[in-house]
Amino acid sequence: MEKNLLIAPSILSCDFSRLGEEIQDITEAGADLIHIDVMDGHFVPNLTIGPGVIKSIRNDTDLMFDVHLMIENVDKYIPIYSHAGADIITIHSEVSENILRSIKIIKDHGKKAGLAFNPKSSIGILNEVIEKIDLVLIMTVNPGFGGQSFMENQLEKITATKKIIDNSNSEVLLEVDGGINESNIKYVVESGANTIVAGSAIFSGTKNDYKLNIDKLRIY
């Protein structure tokens, strides 16, 4: 078991008819972060949460909002999501025209910066920016929809990312998102991840099951 393993429930899998209560429930269940997926229907084939929704739930928890922007024209929206209540803003290496500029915009708004990589994307750019960011997100499904199966072939990428982080002597979080559950989390953590995003593995059953679901991931 990883002592410092952070669990970030993805609200993409929660009951949106009682969103505020769900945020409160997973906070009480022992979540470390709240992972919020933002999709624009262009970069990925789905539409999800706008800044108004994030603002509406900001007072439902003191946990950090880990906001993953899967959108085009990302620089335009960084300030908007910053003001809505994001604490960490993660952008995609595939979208930003100028990654260093995008990271600077995030930092200028007083937020932590993350960089995400799709399954088919190279992590080569990390060598240039690793000391300027706070989090790396490795996707182990093709982004767009929850409930997909974990892609085991991404474990090597997680290991390679961990090596880049270690060589930089930085405190960058290595986050992994996509199909993670109690049967495969062991391999993800052993490959170097210290922050786990999980949706359906946590938001299953009733609110009374959330703590048990989170605990199962922690002890893997």
Protein backbone atom coordinates (compact mmCIF):
# COMPACT_ATOMS: atom_id res chain seq x y z
CA MET A 1 0.00 0.00 0.00
CA GLU A 2 1.25 3.49 -0.91
CA LYS A 3 1.17 5.64 2.25
CA ASN A 4 0.78 8.89 0.35
CA LEU A 5 -1.69 7.66 -2.25
CA LEU A 6 -4.22 10.34 -3.14
CA ILE A 7 -7.71 9.34 -4.26
CA ALA A 8 -9.55 11.76 -6.56
CA PRO A 9 -13.16 10.72 -7.23
CA SER A 10 -14.32 11.74 -10.70
CA ILE A 11 -17.72 13.39 -10.44
CA LEU A 12 -18.39 12.39 -14.05
CA SER A 13 -19.77 9.18 -12.49
CA CYS A 14 -21.84 10.72 -9.72
CA ASP A 15 -25.58 11.38 -9.53
CA PHE A 16 -25.91 14.86 -11.04
CA SER A 17 -29.44 15.24 -9.70
CA ARG A 18 -27.88 15.57 -6.24
CA LEU A 19 -24.44 16.89 -7.18
CA GLY A 20 -23.83 19.04 -4.13
CA GLU A 21 -24.76 16.19 -1.79
CA GLU A 22 -22.53 13.79 -3.72
CA ILE A 23 -19.59 16.17 -3.27
CA GLN A 24 -20.27 16.31 0.46
CA ASP A 25 -20.65 12.52 0.67
CA ILE A 26 -17.33 11.71 -1.00
CA THR A 27 -15.61 14.35 1.10
CA GLU A 28 -16.89 12.63 4.24
CA ALA A 29 -15.92 9.25 2.75
CA GLY A 30 -12.24 10.24 2.70
CA ALA A 31 -11.53 11.61 -0.77
CA ASP A 32 -8.35 13.69 -1.12
CA LEU A 33 -9.27 15.72 -4.22
CA ILE A 34 -12.35 16.22 -6.38
CA HIS A 35 -11.64 15.44 -10.05
CA ILE A 36 -13.75 17.44 -12.49
CA ASP A 37 -13.71 16.57 -16.19
CA VAL A 38 -14.52 19.45 -18.54
CA MET A 39 -15.31 18.45 -22.14
CA ASP A 40 -16.37 20.69 -25.00
CA GLY A 41 -17.66 18.25 -27.61
CA HIS A 42 -14.76 19.17 -29.93
CA PHE A 43 -11.50 17.89 -28.45
CA VAL A 44 -13.43 14.89 -27.13
CA PRO A 45 -16.87 13.68 -28.29
CA ASN A 46 -18.80 14.62 -25.18
CA LEU A 47 -20.08 17.69 -23.33
CA THR A 48 -19.81 17.98 -19.57
CA ILE A 49 -19.34 20.59 -16.89
CA GLY A 50 -19.22 24.35 -17.35
CA PRO A 51 -17.76 26.91 -14.96
CA GLY A 52 -21.18 27.71 -13.49
CA VAL A 53 -21.52 24.17 -12.18
CA ILE A 54 -18.08 24.29 -10.58
CA LYS A 55 -18.90 27.60 -8.93
CA SER A 56 -22.18 26.18 -7.62
CA ILE A 57 -20.44 23.31 -5.78
CA ARG A 58 -17.39 25.18 -4.55
CA ASN A 59 -18.92 25.69 -1.09
CA ASP A 60 -19.84 22.01 -0.71
CA THR A 61 -16.28 20.94 0.19
CA ASP A 62 -12.93 22.27 1.30
CA LEU A 63 -11.11 19.74 -0.89
CA MET A 64 -9.07 20.92 -3.86
CA PHE A 65 -10.82 20.94 -7.22
CA ASP A 66 -8.67 19.05 -9.72
CA VAL A 67 -10.06 20.38 -13.02
CA HIS A 68 -9.14 18.52 -16.21
CA LEU A 69 -9.77 20.67 -19.29
CA MET A 70 -10.40 18.49 -22.34
CA ILE A 71 -11.22 21.46 -24.53
CA GLU A 72 -10.00 23.50 -27.49
CA ASN A 73 -8.94 27.18 -27.21
CA VAL A 74 -7.74 26.29 -23.73
CA ASP A 75 -5.97 29.60 -23.01
CA LYS A 76 -9.28 31.44 -23.35
CA TYR A 77 -10.93 29.31 -20.69
CA ILE A 78 -8.18 29.04 -18.07
CA PRO A 79 -9.15 32.37 -16.42
CA ILE A 80 -12.84 31.41 -16.44
CA TYR A 81 -12.29 28.09 -14.67
CA SER A 82 -9.80 29.71 -12.31
CA HIS A 83 -12.44 32.18 -11.16
CA ALA A 84 -15.04 29.41 -10.91
CA GLY A 85 -13.05 27.67 -8.17
CA ALA A 86 -10.45 25.37 -9.73
CA ASP A 87 -7.32 24.73 -7.66
CA ILE A 88 -5.43 22.57 -10.16
CA ILE A 89 -5.95 23.14 -13.88
CA THR A 90 -4.75 20.39 -16.18
CA ILE A 91 -4.51 21.02 -19.91
CA HIS A 92 -3.76 18.61 -22.74
CA SER A 93 -0.41 18.48 -24.46
CA GLU A 94 -2.30 17.81 -27.70
CA VAL A 95 -4.36 21.01 -27.57
CA SER A 96 -2.18 23.88 -26.42
CA GLU A 97 -0.50 25.80 -29.22
CA ASN A 98 2.12 27.01 -26.77
CA ILE A 99 2.34 24.83 -23.66
CA LEU A 100 4.70 27.17 -21.80
CA ARG A 101 2.33 30.08 -22.39
CA SER A 102 -0.65 28.06 -21.19
CA ILE A 103 1.20 26.99 -18.05
CA LYS A 104 2.13 30.61 -17.37
CA ILE A 105 -1.52 31.69 -17.65
CA ILE A 106 -2.48 29.04 -15.10
CA LYS A 107 0.29 30.12 -12.73
CA ASP A 108 -0.53 33.81 -13.21
CA HIS A 109 -4.00 33.02 -11.85
CA GLY A 110 -2.48 31.46 -8.75
CA LYS A 111 -3.36 27.87 -9.66
CA LYS A 112 -1.39 24.64 -9.84
CA ALA A 113 -0.69 23.50 -13.40
CA GLY A 114 -1.09 20.01 -14.82
CA LEU A 115 -0.31 18.47 -18.20
CA ALA A 116 -2.31 15.54 -19.55
CA PHE A 117 -1.45 12.91 -22.14
CA ASN A 118 -3.81 10.73 -24.16
CA PRO A 119 -2.94 7.05 -24.65
CA LYS A 120 -1.40 7.62 -28.10
CA SER A 121 0.48 10.80 -27.14
CA SER A 122 4.22 11.03 -26.54
CA ILE A 123 5.41 12.34 -23.17
CA GLY A 124 8.59 13.79 -24.73
CA ILE A 125 7.55 17.40 -24.02
CA LEU A 126 7.72 16.65 -20.29
CA ASN A 127 11.50 16.94 -20.35
CA GLU A 128 11.09 20.61 -21.27
CA VAL A 129 8.33 21.57 -18.85
CA ILE A 130 8.52 19.21 -15.86
CA GLU A 131 9.98 21.84 -13.51
CA LYS A 132 7.19 24.30 -14.37
CA ILE A 133 4.22 22.07 -13.59
CA ASP A 134 2.68 20.49 -10.50
CA LEU A 135 0.95 17.43 -11.94
CA VAL A 136 1.18 15.01 -14.86
CA LEU A 137 -1.97 13.14 -15.87
CA ILE A 138 -1.64 9.91 -17.82
CA MET A 139 -4.89 8.77 -19.42
CA THR A 140 -5.43 5.01 -19.42
CA VAL A 141 -8.55 5.27 -21.57
CA ASN A 142 -9.33 7.43 -24.58
CA PRO A 143 -10.92 10.49 -22.99
CA GLY A 144 -14.54 11.35 -23.55
CA PHE A 145 -16.71 8.98 -21.54
CA GLY A 146 -16.67 7.29 -18.14
CA GLY A 147 -16.89 3.54 -17.60
CA GLN A 148 -14.23 2.51 -20.14
CA SER A 149 -11.83 -0.40 -19.62
CA PHE A 150 -8.31 0.22 -18.35
CA MET A 151 -5.59 0.12 -21.04
CA GLU A 152 -2.81 -2.01 -19.59
CA ASN A 153 -0.38 -0.95 -22.33
CA GLN A 154 -0.14 2.47 -20.64
CA LEU A 155 1.74 1.10 -17.63
CA GLU A 156 5.07 1.59 -19.42
CA LYS A 157 4.20 5.24 -20.01
CA ILE A 158 3.46 5.69 -16.30
CA THR A 159 6.85 4.19 -15.45
CA ALA A 160 8.61 6.43 -17.97
CA THR A 161 6.82 9.49 -16.60
CA LYS A 162 7.86 8.59 -13.04
CA LYS A 163 11.47 8.43 -14.20
CA ILE A 164 11.27 11.93 -15.70
CA ILE A 165 9.76 13.27 -12.47
CA ASP A 166 12.39 11.59 -10.31
CA ASN A 167 15.23 12.87 -12.49
CA SER A 168 13.90 16.41 -12.12
CA ASN A 169 13.91 16.18 -8.31
CA SER A 170 10.51 17.86 -8.35
CA GLU A 171 7.38 17.23 -6.27
CA VAL A 172 5.13 16.73 -9.29
CA LEU A 173 2.08 14.54 -8.72
CA LEU A 174 1.73 11.60 -11.10
CA GLU A 175 -1.98 11.14 -11.65
CA VAL A 176 -3.61 8.34 -13.63
CA ASP A 177 -7.19 8.31 -14.89
CA GLY A 178 -9.19 5.71 -16.76
CA GLY A 179 -10.81 2.43 -15.80
CA ILE A 180 -9.01 2.09 -12.47
CA ASN A 181 -10.54 -0.20 -9.87
CA GLU A 182 -9.48 -2.47 -7.03
CA SER A 183 -8.35 -5.20 -9.46
CA ASN A 184 -5.81 -3.09 -11.37
CA ILE A 185 -4.80 -0.22 -9.07
CA LYS A 186 -1.88 -2.28 -7.74
CA TYR A 187 -0.18 -2.22 -11.15
CA VAL A 188 -0.82 1.51 -11.58
CA VAL A 189 0.73 2.41 -8.23
CA GLU A 190 3.64 0.01 -8.69
CA SER A 191 4.36 1.76 -12.00
CA GLY A 192 4.77 5.05 -10.13
CA ALA A 193 1.38 6.76 -9.79
CA ASN A 194 0.62 8.53 -6.52
CA THR A 195 -2.73 10.10 -7.43
CA ILE A 196 -5.62 7.96 -8.65
CA VAL A 197 -8.74 9.20 -10.42
CA ALA A 198 -11.67 6.81 -10.16
CA GLY A 199 -15.30 7.24 -11.09
CA SER A 200 -17.50 4.17 -11.27
CA ALA A 201 -15.24 2.32 -8.80
CA ILE A 202 -16.17 4.90 -6.15
CA PHE A 203 -19.69 5.99 -7.12
CA SER A 204 -21.19 2.50 -7.00
CA GLY A 205 -23.85 1.44 -4.56
CA THR A 206 -25.21 4.12 -2.25
CA LYS A 207 -23.47 6.96 -0.42
CA ASN A 208 -22.95 4.52 2.46
CA ASP A 209 -20.65 2.48 0.20
CA TYR A 210 -18.37 5.36 -0.84
CA LYS A 211 -15.98 5.08 2.12
CA LEU A 212 -15.60 1.34 1.61
CA ASN A 213 -15.02 1.86 -2.11
CA ILE A 214 -12.29 4.44 -1.42
CA ASP A 215 -10.72 2.23 1.26
CA LYS A 216 -10.59 -0.71 -1.15
CA LEU A 217 -8.55 1.41 -3.55
CA ARG A 218 -6.19 2.54 -0.79
CA ILE A 219 -5.35 -0.97 0.40
CA TYR A 220 -5.34 -2.57 -3.08
